[in-house]
């Protein structure tokens, strides 16, 4: 299983025909999740941006847990990360890669809906 931690290794994995990859960087994994949730459409990233800007102003347009995502590591410890502007910009780059290569990704979750780091390339 190929380990990926940024956009360039992701592109190389897709070009090499990898179907299953392990994302080792938590922030990049969260960006992959955002790209999957946006269904490879850049205009869908706006919903995350609206939540981010609303939370900065104290106005929550959606439930706050939608911008907080849990990740579980190999030892079973859960880490919480929030979707922010950096994650959204990385997700836009991932969407570009996926659209250019006609690929989609599916981020694996465990039974508690925590991201595991395993990503399937379809």
PDB file of N, CA and C in Angstrom:
ATOM      1  N   UNK A   1       0.855  -1.167   0.000  1.00  0.00           N
ATOM      2  CA  UNK A   1       0.000   0.000   0.000  1.00  0.00           C
ATOM      3  C   UNK A   1       0.910   1.242   0.000  1.00  0.00           C
ATOM      4  N   UNK A   2       0.659   2.128  -0.924  1.00  0.00           N
ATOM      5  CA  UNK A   2       1.442   3.342  -1.063  1.00  0.00           C
ATOM      6  C   UNK A   2       1.038   4.360   0.000  1.00  0.00           C
ATOM      7  N   UNK A   3       2.047   4.994   0.606  1.00  0.00           N
ATOM      8  CA  UNK A   3       1.781   6.037   1.594  1.00  0.00           C
ATOM      9  C   UNK A   3       1.852   7.394   0.910  1.00  0.00           C
ATOM     10  N   UNK A   4       0.868   8.232   1.198  1.00  0.00           N
ATOM     11  CA  UNK A   4       0.731   9.542   0.563  1.00  0.00           C
ATOM     12  C   UNK A   4       0.598  10.592   1.662  1.00  0.00           C
ATOM     13  N   UNK A   5       1.262  11.751   1.460  1.00  0.00           N
ATOM     14  CA  UNK A   5       1.134  12.817   2.443  1.00  0.00           C
ATOM     15  C   UNK A   5       0.939  14.194   1.817  1.00  0.00           C
ATOM     16  N   UNK A   6       0.853  14.241   0.465  1.00  0.00           N
ATOM     17  CA  UNK A   6       0.621  15.520  -0.208  1.00  0.00           C
ATOM     18  C   UNK A   6       0.073  15.256  -1.615  1.00  0.00           C
ATOM     19  N   UNK A   7      -0.138  16.354  -2.358  1.00  0.00           N
ATOM     20  CA  UNK A   7      -0.776  16.238  -3.673  1.00  0.00           C
ATOM     21  C   UNK A   7       0.102  15.523  -4.693  1.00  0.00           C
ATOM     22  N   UNK A   8       1.414  15.782  -4.697  1.00  0.00           N
ATOM     23  CA  UNK A   8       2.286  15.169  -5.694  1.00  0.00           C
ATOM     24  C   UNK A   8       2.325  13.637  -5.563  1.00  0.00           C
ATOM     25  N   UNK A   9       2.526  13.075  -4.353  1.00  0.00           N
ATOM     26  CA  UNK A   9       2.450  11.615  -4.240  1.00  0.00           C
ATOM     27  C   UNK A   9       1.070  11.050  -4.581  1.00  0.00           C
ATOM     28  N   UNK A  10       0.013  11.825  -4.307  1.00  0.00           N
ATOM     29  CA  UNK A  10      -1.331  11.379  -4.682  1.00  0.00           C
ATOM     30  C   UNK A  10      -1.448  11.258  -6.189  1.00  0.00           C
ATOM     31  N   UNK A  11      -0.972  12.272  -6.905  1.00  0.00           N
ATOM     32  CA  UNK A  11      -1.007  12.236  -8.376  1.00  0.00           C
ATOM     33  C   UNK A  11      -0.203  11.057  -8.897  1.00  0.00           C
ATOM     34  N   UNK A  12       0.981  10.826  -8.335  1.00  0.00           N
ATOM     35  CA  UNK A  12       1.817   9.700  -8.772  1.00  0.00           C
ATOM     36  C   UNK A  12       1.129   8.365  -8.512  1.00  0.00           C
ATOM     37  N   UNK A  13       0.461   8.233  -7.364  1.00  0.00           N
ATOM     38  CA  UNK A  13      -0.251   6.995  -7.042  1.00  0.00           C
ATOM     39  C   UNK A  13      -1.386   6.746  -8.026  1.00  0.00           C
ATOM     40  N   UNK A  14      -2.113   7.801  -8.382  1.00  0.00           N
ATOM     41  CA  UNK A  14      -3.206   7.658  -9.349  1.00  0.00           C
ATOM     42  C   UNK A  14      -2.649   7.276 -10.711  1.00  0.00           C
ATOM     43  N   UNK A  15      -1.568   7.932 -11.130  1.00  0.00           N
ATOM     44  CA  UNK A  15      -0.976   7.645 -12.434  1.00  0.00           C
ATOM     45  C   UNK A  15      -0.384   6.238 -12.485  1.00  0.00           C
ATOM     46  N   UNK A  16       0.065   5.713 -11.346  1.00  0.00           N
ATOM     47  CA  UNK A  16       0.618   4.360 -11.293  1.00  0.00           C
ATOM     48  C   UNK A  16      -0.461   3.291 -11.150  1.00  0.00           C
ATOM     49  N   UNK A  17      -1.711   3.711 -11.104  1.00  0.00           N
ATOM     50  CA  UNK A  17      -2.809   2.755 -11.053  1.00  0.00           C
ATOM     51  C   UNK A  17      -3.096   2.184  -9.675  1.00  0.00           C
ATOM     52  N   UNK A  18      -2.619   2.843  -8.646  1.00  0.00           N
ATOM     53  CA  UNK A  18      -2.903   2.386  -7.276  1.00  0.00           C
ATOM     54  C   UNK A  18      -4.400   2.481  -7.013  1.00  0.00           C
ATOM     55  N   UNK A  19      -4.918   1.498  -6.294  1.00  0.00           N
ATOM     56  CA  UNK A  19      -6.335   1.539  -5.941  1.00  0.00           C
ATOM     57  C   UNK A  19      -6.555   1.821  -4.469  1.00  0.00           C
ATOM     58  N   UNK A  20      -5.586   1.452  -3.644  1.00  0.00           N
ATOM     59  CA  UNK A  20      -5.677   1.703  -2.209  1.00  0.00           C
ATOM     60  C   UNK A  20      -4.403   2.391  -1.761  1.00  0.00           C
ATOM     61  N   UNK A  21      -4.573   3.502  -1.041  1.00  0.00           N
ATOM     62  CA  UNK A  21      -3.431   4.233  -0.518  1.00  0.00           C
ATOM     63  C   UNK A  21      -3.641   4.504   0.964  1.00  0.00           C
ATOM     64  N   UNK A  22      -2.555   4.802   1.648  1.00  0.00           N
ATOM     65  CA  UNK A  22      -2.602   5.166   3.062  1.00  0.00           C
ATOM     66  C   UNK A  22      -2.157   6.615   3.160  1.00  0.00           C
ATOM     67  N   UNK A  23      -3.041   7.485   3.637  1.00  0.00           N
ATOM     68  CA  UNK A  23      -2.712   8.900   3.816  1.00  0.00           C
ATOM     69  C   UNK A  23      -2.152   9.057   5.221  1.00  0.00           C
ATOM     70  N   UNK A  24      -0.892   9.524   5.301  1.00  0.00           N
ATOM     71  CA  UNK A  24      -0.203   9.590   6.582  1.00  0.00           C
ATOM     72  C   UNK A  24      -0.308  10.948   7.260  1.00  0.00           C
ATOM     73  N   UNK A  25      -0.577  11.998   6.513  1.00  0.00           N
ATOM     74  CA  UNK A  25      -0.686  13.338   7.088  1.00  0.00           C
ATOM     75  C   UNK A  25      -2.148  13.611   7.457  1.00  0.00           C
ATOM     76  N   UNK A  26      -2.444  13.878   8.732  1.00  0.00           N
ATOM     77  CA  UNK A  26      -3.847  14.086   9.137  1.00  0.00           C
ATOM     78  C   UNK A  26      -4.539  15.235   8.410  1.00  0.00           C
ATOM     79  N   UNK A  27      -3.834  16.333   8.179  1.00  0.00           N
ATOM     80  CA  UNK A  27      -4.458  17.470   7.506  1.00  0.00           C
ATOM     81  C   UNK A  27      -4.737  17.147   6.040  1.00  0.00           C
ATOM     82  N   UNK A  28      -3.842  16.401   5.397  1.00  0.00           N
ATOM     83  CA  UNK A  28      -4.084  16.005   4.011  1.00  0.00           C
ATOM     84  C   UNK A  28      -5.240  15.006   3.944  1.00  0.00           C
ATOM     85  N   UNK A  29      -5.336  14.132   4.935  1.00  0.00           N
ATOM     86  CA  UNK A  29      -6.464  13.200   5.001  1.00  0.00           C
ATOM     87  C   UNK A  29      -7.779  13.949   5.137  1.00  0.00           C
ATOM     88  N   UNK A  30      -7.795  14.969   5.978  1.00  0.00           N
ATOM     89  CA  UNK A  30      -9.001  15.780   6.127  1.00  0.00           C
ATOM     90  C   UNK A  30      -9.349  16.487   4.819  1.00  0.00           C
ATOM     91  N   UNK A  31      -8.336  16.958   4.095  1.00  0.00           N
ATOM     92  CA  UNK A  31      -8.585  17.597   2.799  1.00  0.00           C
ATOM     93  C   UNK A  31      -9.138  16.579   1.796  1.00  0.00           C
ATOM     94  N   UNK A  32      -8.661  15.344   1.849  1.00  0.00           N
ATOM     95  CA  UNK A  32      -9.222  14.290   0.989  1.00  0.00           C
ATOM     96  C   UNK A  32     -10.685  14.044   1.329  1.00  0.00           C
ATOM     97  N   UNK A  33     -11.003  14.073   2.621  1.00  0.00           N
ATOM     98  CA  UNK A  33     -12.382  13.895   3.055  1.00  0.00           C
ATOM     99  C   UNK A  33     -13.264  15.028   2.532  1.00  0.00           C
ATOM    100  N   UNK A  34     -12.762  16.268   2.621  1.00  0.00           N
ATOM    101  CA  UNK A  34     -13.522  17.417   2.118  1.00  0.00           C
ATOM    102  C   UNK A  34     -13.730  17.279   0.610  1.00  0.00           C
ATOM    103  N   UNK A  35     -12.695  16.868  -0.118  1.00  0.00           N
ATOM    104  CA  UNK A  35     -12.819  16.686  -1.572  1.00  0.00           C
ATOM    105  C   UNK A  35     -13.866  15.622  -1.889  1.00  0.00           C
ATOM    106  N   UNK A  36     -13.879  14.546  -1.119  1.00  0.00           N
ATOM    107  CA  UNK A  36     -14.883  13.497  -1.340  1.00  0.00           C
ATOM    108  C   UNK A  36     -16.283  14.021  -1.031  1.00  0.00           C
ATOM    109  N   UNK A  37     -16.430  14.743   0.075  1.00  0.00           N
ATOM    110  CA  UNK A  37     -17.737  15.294   0.451  1.00  0.00           C
ATOM    111  C   UNK A  37     -18.250  16.288  -0.589  1.00  0.00           C
ATOM    112  N   UNK A  38     -17.333  16.964  -1.271  1.00  0.00           N
ATOM    113  CA  UNK A  38     -17.716  17.942  -2.295  1.00  0.00           C
ATOM    114  C   UNK A  38     -17.956  17.287  -3.644  1.00  0.00           C
ATOM    115  N   UNK A  39     -17.785  15.986  -3.727  1.00  0.00           N
ATOM    116  CA  UNK A  39     -18.070  15.214  -4.933  1.00  0.00           C
ATOM    117  C   UNK A  39     -17.300  15.752  -6.148  1.00  0.00           C
ATOM    118  N   UNK A  40     -16.028  16.090  -5.930  1.00  0.00           N
ATOM    119  CA  UNK A  40     -15.142  16.579  -6.997  1.00  0.00           C
ATOM    120  C   UNK A  40     -15.668  17.831  -7.689  1.00  0.00           C
ATOM    121  N   UNK A  41     -16.443  18.634  -6.982  1.00  0.00           N
ATOM    122  CA  UNK A  41     -16.982  19.869  -7.542  1.00  0.00           C
ATOM    123  C   UNK A  41     -16.524  21.035  -6.678  1.00  0.00           C
ATOM    124  N   UNK A  42     -15.743  21.935  -7.277  1.00  0.00           N
ATOM    125  CA  UNK A  42     -15.185  23.057  -6.521  1.00  0.00           C
ATOM    126  C   UNK A  42     -16.251  23.962  -5.919  1.00  0.00           C
ATOM    127  N   UNK A  43     -17.379  24.085  -6.589  1.00  0.00           N
ATOM    128  CA  UNK A  43     -18.419  24.974  -6.069  1.00  0.00           C
ATOM    129  C   UNK A  43     -19.006  24.444  -4.758  1.00  0.00           C
ATOM    130  N   UNK A  44     -18.887  23.153  -4.512  1.00  0.00           N
ATOM    131  CA  UNK A  44     -19.404  22.584  -3.265  1.00  0.00           C
ATOM    132  C   UNK A  44     -18.523  22.906  -2.057  1.00  0.00           C
ATOM    133  N   UNK A  45     -17.304  23.375  -2.298  1.00  0.00           N
ATOM    134  CA  UNK A  45     -16.424  23.756  -1.197  1.00  0.00           C
ATOM    135  C   UNK A  45     -16.982  24.986  -0.478  1.00  0.00           C
ATOM    136  N   UNK A  46     -17.827  25.735  -1.157  1.00  0.00           N
ATOM    137  CA  UNK A  46     -18.417  26.944  -0.561  1.00  0.00           C
ATOM    138  C   UNK A  46     -19.194  26.634   0.711  1.00  0.00           C
ATOM    139  N   UNK A  47     -19.825  25.462   0.799  1.00  0.00           N
ATOM    140  CA  UNK A  47     -20.583  25.131   2.007  1.00  0.00           C
ATOM    141  C   UNK A  47     -19.652  25.034   3.211  1.00  0.00           C
ATOM    142  N   UNK A  48     -18.452  24.508   3.018  1.00  0.00           N
ATOM    143  CA  UNK A  48     -17.494  24.454   4.110  1.00  0.00           C
ATOM    144  C   UNK A  48     -16.985  25.848   4.446  1.00  0.00           C
ATOM    145  N   UNK A  49     -16.740  26.651   3.422  1.00  0.00           N
ATOM    146  CA  UNK A  49     -16.271  28.015   3.660  1.00  0.00           C
ATOM    147  C   UNK A  49     -17.313  28.836   4.402  1.00  0.00           C
ATOM    148  N   UNK A  50     -18.583  28.662   4.068  1.00  0.00           N
ATOM    149  CA  UNK A  50     -19.653  29.374   4.764  1.00  0.00           C
ATOM    150  C   UNK A  50     -19.701  29.000   6.239  1.00  0.00           C
ATOM    151  N   UNK A  51     -19.488  27.716   6.541  1.00  0.00           N
ATOM    152  CA  UNK A  51     -19.482  27.266   7.929  1.00  0.00           C
ATOM    153  C   UNK A  51     -18.280  27.851   8.663  1.00  0.00           C
ATOM    154  N   UNK A  52     -17.121  27.870   7.992  1.00  0.00           N
ATOM    155  CA  UNK A  52     -15.908  28.416   8.611  1.00  0.00           C
ATOM    156  C   UNK A  52     -16.081  29.893   8.925  1.00  0.00           C
ATOM    157  N   UNK A  53     -16.533  30.666   7.957  1.00  0.00           N
ATOM    158  CA  UNK A  53     -16.699  32.095   8.185  1.00  0.00           C
ATOM    159  C   UNK A  53     -17.797  32.372   9.200  1.00  0.00           C
ATOM    160  N   UNK A  54     -18.834  31.568   9.198  1.00  0.00           N
ATOM    161  CA  UNK A  54     -19.897  31.738  10.180  1.00  0.00           C
ATOM    162  C   UNK A  54     -19.414  31.456  11.587  1.00  0.00           C
ATOM    163  N   UNK A  55     -18.569  30.430  11.746  1.00  0.00           N
ATOM    164  CA  UNK A  55     -18.078  30.106  13.080  1.00  0.00           C
ATOM    165  C   UNK A  55     -17.109  31.168  13.584  1.00  0.00           C
ATOM    166  N   UNK A  56     -16.359  31.807  12.685  1.00  0.00           N
ATOM    167  CA  UNK A  56     -15.453  32.878  13.098  1.00  0.00           C
ATOM    168  C   UNK A  56     -16.241  34.098  13.580  1.00  0.00           C
ATOM    169  N   UNK A  57     -17.436  34.298  13.047  1.00  0.00           N
ATOM    170  CA  UNK A  57     -18.270  35.438  13.427  1.00  0.00           C
ATOM    171  C   UNK A  57     -19.255  35.097  14.539  1.00  0.00           C
ATOM    172  N   UNK A  58     -19.203  33.866  15.022  1.00  0.00           N
ATOM    173  CA  UNK A  58     -20.116  33.457  16.081  1.00  0.00           C
ATOM    174  C   UNK A  58     -21.484  33.053  15.578  1.00  0.00           C
ATOM    175  N   UNK A  59     -21.634  32.935  14.268  1.00  0.00           N
ATOM    176  CA  UNK A  59     -22.912  32.549  13.667  1.00  0.00           C
ATOM    177  C   UNK A  59     -22.738  31.159  13.072  1.00  0.00           C
ATOM    178  N   UNK A  60     -23.507  30.212  13.543  1.00  0.00           N
ATOM    179  CA  UNK A  60     -23.394  28.855  13.037  1.00  0.00           C
ATOM    180  C   UNK A  60     -24.550  28.575  12.095  1.00  0.00           C
ATOM    181  N   UNK A  61     -24.228  28.447  10.808  1.00  0.00           N
ATOM    182  CA  UNK A  61     -25.272  28.181   9.830  1.00  0.00           C
ATOM    183  C   UNK A  61     -25.613  26.699   9.790  1.00  0.00           C
ATOM    184  N   UNK A  62     -24.715  25.868  10.293  1.00  0.00           N
ATOM    185  CA  UNK A  62     -24.956  24.438  10.385  1.00  0.00           C
ATOM    186  C   UNK A  62     -24.467  23.989  11.751  1.00  0.00           C
ATOM    187  N   UNK A  63     -24.749  22.743  12.106  1.00  0.00           N
ATOM    188  CA  UNK A  63     -24.249  22.219  13.374  1.00  0.00           C
ATOM    189  C   UNK A  63     -22.726  22.197  13.347  1.00  0.00           C
ATOM    190  N   UNK A  64     -22.114  22.634  14.397  1.00  0.00           N
ATOM    191  CA  UNK A  64     -20.663  22.706  14.469  1.00  0.00           C
ATOM    192  C   UNK A  64     -19.961  21.368  14.210  1.00  0.00           C
ATOM    193  N   UNK A  65     -20.476  20.223  14.639  1.00  0.00           N
ATOM    194  CA  UNK A  65     -19.756  18.971  14.391  1.00  0.00           C
ATOM    195  C   UNK A  65     -19.496  18.692  12.907  1.00  0.00           C
ATOM    196  N   UNK A  66     -20.173  19.353  12.007  1.00  0.00           N
ATOM    197  CA  UNK A  66     -19.938  19.104  10.587  1.00  0.00           C
ATOM    198  C   UNK A  66     -18.593  19.634  10.126  1.00  0.00           C
ATOM    199  N   UNK A  67     -17.988  20.542  10.885  1.00  0.00           N
ATOM    200  CA  UNK A  67     -16.679  21.026  10.490  1.00  0.00           C
ATOM    201  C   UNK A  67     -15.585  20.436  11.380  1.00  0.00           C
ATOM    202  N   UNK A  68     -15.949  19.540  12.281  1.00  0.00           N
ATOM    203  CA  UNK A  68     -14.987  18.838  13.132  1.00  0.00           C
ATOM    204  C   UNK A  68     -15.020  17.358  12.772  1.00  0.00           C
ATOM    205  N   UNK A  69     -13.860  16.819  12.478  1.00  0.00           N
ATOM    206  CA  UNK A  69     -13.785  15.434  12.033  1.00  0.00           C
ATOM    207  C   UNK A  69     -12.792  14.687  12.912  1.00  0.00           C
ATOM    208  N   UNK A  70     -13.170  13.494  13.337  1.00  0.00           N
ATOM    209  CA  UNK A  70     -12.295  12.659  14.146  1.00  0.00           C
ATOM    210  C   UNK A  70     -11.493  11.705  13.291  1.00  0.00           C
ATOM    211  N   UNK A  71     -10.237  11.508  13.693  1.00  0.00           N
ATOM    212  CA  UNK A  71      -9.357  10.560  13.011  1.00  0.00           C
ATOM    213  C   UNK A  71      -8.770   9.628  14.055  1.00  0.00           C
ATOM    214  N   UNK A  72      -8.672   8.380  13.697  1.00  0.00           N
ATOM    215  CA  UNK A  72      -8.106   7.404  14.616  1.00  0.00           C
ATOM    216  C   UNK A  72      -6.752   6.959  14.064  1.00  0.00           C
ATOM    217  N   UNK A  73      -5.732   6.881  14.943  1.00  0.00           N
ATOM    218  CA  UNK A  73      -4.414   6.448  14.488  1.00  0.00           C
ATOM    219  C   UNK A  73      -4.259   4.944  14.696  1.00  0.00           C
ATOM    220  N   UNK A  74      -3.062   4.429  14.416  1.00  0.00           N
ATOM    221  CA  UNK A  74      -2.821   2.981  14.495  1.00  0.00           C
ATOM    222  C   UNK A  74      -3.004   2.450  15.917  1.00  0.00           C
ATOM    223  N   UNK A  75      -2.781   3.295  16.905  1.00  0.00           N
ATOM    224  CA  UNK A  75      -2.907   2.877  18.309  1.00  0.00           C
ATOM    225  C   UNK A  75      -4.336   2.992  18.822  1.00  0.00           C
ATOM    226  N   UNK A  76      -5.236   3.495  18.002  1.00  0.00           N
ATOM    227  CA  UNK A  76      -6.630   3.616  18.392  1.00  0.00           C
ATOM    228  C   UNK A  76      -6.979   4.929  19.062  1.00  0.00           C
ATOM    229  N   UNK A  77      -6.039   5.849  19.112  1.00  0.00           N
ATOM    230  CA  UNK A  77      -6.294   7.152  19.734  1.00  0.00           C
ATOM    231  C   UNK A  77      -6.981   8.069  18.728  1.00  0.00           C
ATOM    232  N   UNK A  78      -8.012   8.781  19.185  1.00  0.00           N
ATOM    233  CA  UNK A  78      -8.779   9.669  18.317  1.00  0.00           C
ATOM    234  C   UNK A  78      -8.193  11.074  18.398  1.00  0.00           C
ATOM    235  N   UNK A  79      -8.062  11.697  17.242  1.00  0.00           N
ATOM    236  CA  UNK A  79      -7.599  13.080  17.139  1.00  0.00           C
ATOM    237  C   UNK A  79      -8.674  13.862  16.391  1.00  0.00           C
ATOM    238  N   UNK A  80      -9.034  15.035  16.904  1.00  0.00           N
ATOM    239  CA  UNK A  80     -10.052  15.869  16.280  1.00  0.00           C
ATOM    240  C   UNK A  80      -9.382  16.990  15.506  1.00  0.00           C
ATOM    241  N   UNK A  81      -9.799  17.190  14.267  1.00  0.00           N
ATOM    242  CA  UNK A  81      -9.316  18.293  13.440  1.00  0.00           C
ATOM    243  C   UNK A  81     -10.517  19.069  12.913  1.00  0.00           C
ATOM    244  N   UNK A  82     -10.308  20.354  12.728  1.00  0.00           N
ATOM    245  CA  UNK A  82     -11.357  21.211  12.200  1.00  0.00           C
ATOM    246  C   UNK A  82     -11.047  21.587  10.755  1.00  0.00           C
ATOM    247  N   UNK A  83     -12.080  21.653   9.948  1.00  0.00           N
ATOM    248  CA  UNK A  83     -11.936  22.126   8.573  1.00  0.00           C
ATOM    249  C   UNK A  83     -11.691  23.629   8.632  1.00  0.00           C
ATOM    250  N   UNK A  84     -10.587  24.073   8.002  1.00  0.00           N
ATOM    251  CA  UNK A  84     -10.269  25.494   7.982  1.00  0.00           C
ATOM    252  C   UNK A  84      -9.925  25.912   6.548  1.00  0.00           C
ATOM    253  N   UNK A  85      -9.491  27.140   6.378  1.00  0.00           N
ATOM    254  CA  UNK A  85      -9.201  27.640   5.027  1.00  0.00           C
ATOM    255  C   UNK A  85      -8.082  26.856   4.350  1.00  0.00           C
ATOM    256  N   UNK A  86      -7.062  26.474   5.110  1.00  0.00           N
ATOM    257  CA  UNK A  86      -5.951  25.716   4.536  1.00  0.00           C
ATOM    258  C   UNK A  86      -6.428  24.362   4.035  1.00  0.00           C
ATOM    259  N   UNK A  87      -7.266  23.710   4.816  1.00  0.00           N
ATOM    260  CA  UNK A  87      -7.812  22.406   4.413  1.00  0.00           C
ATOM    261  C   UNK A  87      -8.644  22.568   3.143  1.00  0.00           C
ATOM    262  N   UNK A  88      -9.445  23.619   3.068  1.00  0.00           N
ATOM    263  CA  UNK A  88     -10.285  23.848   1.881  1.00  0.00           C
ATOM    264  C   UNK A  88      -9.429  24.126   0.650  1.00  0.00           C
ATOM    265  N   UNK A  89      -8.348  24.883   0.802  1.00  0.00           N
ATOM    266  CA  UNK A  89      -7.499  25.161  -0.362  1.00  0.00           C
ATOM    267  C   UNK A  89      -6.782  23.895  -0.822  1.00  0.00           C
ATOM    268  N   UNK A  90      -6.360  23.053   0.113  1.00  0.00           N
ATOM    269  CA  UNK A  90      -5.755  21.773  -0.258  1.00  0.00           C
ATOM    270  C   UNK A  90      -6.786  20.881  -0.946  1.00  0.00           C
ATOM    271  N   UNK A  91      -8.021  20.907  -0.454  1.00  0.00           N
ATOM    272  CA  UNK A  91      -9.092  20.113  -1.073  1.00  0.00           C
ATOM    273  C   UNK A  91      -9.337  20.561  -2.506  1.00  0.00           C
ATOM    274  N   UNK A  92      -9.249  21.866  -2.764  1.00  0.00           N
ATOM    275  CA  UNK A  92      -9.414  22.360  -4.143  1.00  0.00           C
ATOM    276  C   UNK A  92      -8.319  21.804  -5.050  1.00  0.00           C
ATOM    277  N   UNK A  93      -7.095  21.712  -4.552  1.00  0.00           N
ATOM    278  CA  UNK A  93      -6.007  21.120  -5.322  1.00  0.00           C
ATOM    279  C   UNK A  93      -6.233  19.639  -5.572  1.00  0.00           C
ATOM    280  N   UNK A  94      -6.753  18.940  -4.572  1.00  0.00           N
ATOM    281  CA  UNK A  94      -7.061  17.513  -4.736  1.00  0.00           C
ATOM    282  C   UNK A  94      -8.163  17.334  -5.772  1.00  0.00           C
ATOM    283  N   UNK A  95      -9.168  18.200  -5.731  1.00  0.00           N
ATOM    284  CA  UNK A  95     -10.254  18.127  -6.714  1.00  0.00           C
ATOM    285  C   UNK A  95      -9.703  18.340  -8.121  1.00  0.00           C
ATOM    286  N   UNK A  96      -8.764  19.269  -8.291  1.00  0.00           N
ATOM    287  CA  UNK A  96      -8.124  19.473  -9.595  1.00  0.00           C
ATOM    288  C   UNK A  96      -7.448  18.198 -10.074  1.00  0.00           C
ATOM    289  N   UNK A  97      -6.687  17.557  -9.197  1.00  0.00           N
ATOM    290  CA  UNK A  97      -5.997  16.310  -9.560  1.00  0.00           C
ATOM    291  C   UNK A  97      -7.004  15.239  -9.949  1.00  0.00           C
ATOM    292  N   UNK A  98      -8.049  15.094  -9.154  1.00  0.00           N
ATOM    293  CA  UNK A  98      -9.045  14.054  -9.433  1.00  0.00           C
ATOM    294  C   UNK A  98      -9.781  14.320 -10.739  1.00  0.00           C
ATOM    295  N   UNK A  99     -10.115  15.570 -11.003  1.00  0.00           N
ATOM    296  CA  UNK A  99     -10.799  15.888 -12.259  1.00  0.00           C
ATOM    297  C   UNK A  99      -9.888  15.689 -13.462  1.00  0.00           C
ATOM    298  N   UNK A 100      -8.601  16.034 -13.327  1.00  0.00           N
ATOM    299  CA  UNK A 100      -7.650  15.863 -14.433  1.00  0.00           C
ATOM    300  C   UNK A 100      -7.400  14.398 -14.759  1.00  0.00           C
ATOM    301  N   UNK A 101      -7.475  13.541 -13.735  1.00  0.00           N
ATOM    302  CA  UNK A 101      -7.189  12.113 -13.947  1.00  0.00           C
ATOM    303  C   UNK A 101      -8.463  11.270 -14.031  1.00  0.00           C
ATOM    304  N   UNK A 102      -9.616  11.913 -14.012  1.00  0.00           N
ATOM    305  CA  UNK A 102     -10.912  11.223 -14.067  1.00  0.00           C
ATOM    306  C   UNK A 102     -11.030  10.170 -12.973  1.00  0.00           C
ATOM    307  N   UNK A 103     -10.604  10.529 -11.786  1.00  0.00           N
ATOM    308  CA  UNK A 103     -10.644   9.605 -10.650  1.00  0.00           C
ATOM    309  C   UNK A 103     -11.541  10.172  -9.559  1.00  0.00           C
ATOM    310  N   UNK A 104     -11.916   9.309  -8.649  1.00  0.00           N
ATOM    311  CA  UNK A 104     -12.644   9.700  -7.440  1.00  0.00           C
ATOM    312  C   UNK A 104     -11.983   8.987  -6.280  1.00  0.00           C
ATOM    313  N   UNK A 105     -12.174   9.540  -5.092  1.00  0.00           N
ATOM    314  CA  UNK A 105     -11.626   8.894  -3.912  1.00  0.00           C
ATOM    315  C   UNK A 105     -12.740   8.591  -2.929  1.00  0.00           C
ATOM    316  N   UNK A 106     -12.499   7.571  -2.135  1.00  0.00           N
ATOM    317  CA  UNK A 106     -13.425   7.207  -1.063  1.00  0.00           C
ATOM    318  C   UNK A 106     -12.585   7.039   0.193  1.00  0.00           C
ATOM    319  N   UNK A 107     -12.821   7.912   1.156  1.00  0.00           N
ATOM    320  CA  UNK A 107     -12.078   7.893   2.414  1.00  0.00           C
ATOM    321  C   UNK A 107     -12.762   6.913   3.360  1.00  0.00           C
ATOM    322  N   UNK A 108     -11.992   5.982   3.888  1.00  0.00           N
ATOM    323  CA  UNK A 108     -12.544   4.938   4.754  1.00  0.00           C
ATOM    324  C   UNK A 108     -12.760   5.463   6.174  1.00  0.00           C
ATOM    325  N   UNK A 109     -13.890   5.059   6.744  1.00  0.00           N
ATOM    326  CA  UNK A 109     -14.218   5.399   8.132  1.00  0.00           C
ATOM    327  C   UNK A 109     -14.422   4.103   8.906  1.00  0.00           C
ATOM    328  N   UNK A 110     -14.168   4.164  10.207  1.00  0.00           N
ATOM    329  CA  UNK A 110     -14.426   2.995  11.028  1.00  0.00           C
ATOM    330  C   UNK A 110     -15.878   2.996  11.510  1.00  0.00           C
ATOM    331  N   UNK A 111     -16.206   2.086  12.406  1.00  0.00           N
ATOM    332  CA  UNK A 111     -17.595   1.957  12.861  1.00  0.00           C
ATOM    333  C   UNK A 111     -18.080   3.165  13.651  1.00  0.00           C
ATOM    334  N   UNK A 112     -17.154   3.986  14.151  1.00  0.00           N
ATOM    335  CA  UNK A 112     -17.524   5.194  14.906  1.00  0.00           C
ATOM    336  C   UNK A 112     -17.480   6.449  14.046  1.00  0.00           C
ATOM    337  N   UNK A 113     -17.361   6.302  12.742  1.00  0.00           N
ATOM    338  CA  UNK A 113     -17.273   7.407  11.780  1.00  0.00           C
ATOM    339  C   UNK A 113     -15.997   8.226  11.914  1.00  0.00           C
ATOM    340  N   UNK A 114     -14.923   7.616  12.400  1.00  0.00           N
ATOM    341  CA  UNK A 114     -13.623   8.262  12.439  1.00  0.00           C
ATOM    342  C   UNK A 114     -12.851   7.876  11.183  1.00  0.00           C
ATOM    343  N   UNK A 115     -12.111   8.830  10.623  1.00  0.00           N
ATOM    344  CA  UNK A 115     -11.294   8.540   9.443  1.00  0.00           C
ATOM    345  C   UNK A 115     -10.133   7.645   9.844  1.00  0.00           C
ATOM    346  N   UNK A 116      -9.842   6.659   9.005  1.00  0.00           N
ATOM    347  CA  UNK A 116      -8.794   5.694   9.340  1.00  0.00           C
ATOM    348  C   UNK A 116      -7.474   5.961   8.620  1.00  0.00           C
ATOM    349  N   UNK A 117      -7.500   6.730   7.566  1.00  0.00           N
ATOM    350  CA  UNK A 117      -6.291   6.991   6.788  1.00  0.00           C
ATOM    351  C   UNK A 117      -6.222   6.171   5.508  1.00  0.00           C
ATOM    352  N   UNK A 118      -7.079   5.184   5.375  1.00  0.00           N
ATOM    353  CA  UNK A 118      -7.123   4.393   4.154  1.00  0.00           C
ATOM    354  C   UNK A 118      -8.045   5.088   3.146  1.00  0.00           C
ATOM    355  N   UNK A 119      -7.559   5.196   1.918  1.00  0.00           N
ATOM    356  CA  UNK A 119      -8.306   5.859   0.863  1.00  0.00           C
ATOM    357  C   UNK A 119      -8.337   4.946  -0.359  1.00  0.00           C
ATOM    358  N   UNK A 120      -9.518   4.780  -0.924  1.00  0.00           N
ATOM    359  CA  UNK A 120      -9.681   3.978  -2.132  1.00  0.00           C
ATOM    360  C   UNK A 120      -9.809   4.925  -3.320  1.00  0.00           C
ATOM    361  N   UNK A 121      -9.052   4.645  -4.372  1.00  0.00           N
ATOM    362  CA  UNK A 121      -9.114   5.433  -5.605  1.00  0.00           C
ATOM    363  C   UNK A 121      -9.978   4.671  -6.585  1.00  0.00           C
ATOM    364  N   UNK A 122     -11.031   5.312  -7.036  1.00  0.00           N
ATOM    365  CA  UNK A 122     -11.981   4.666  -7.953  1.00  0.00           C
ATOM    366  C   UNK A 122     -11.799   5.245  -9.338  1.00  0.00           C
TER     367      UNK A 122
END
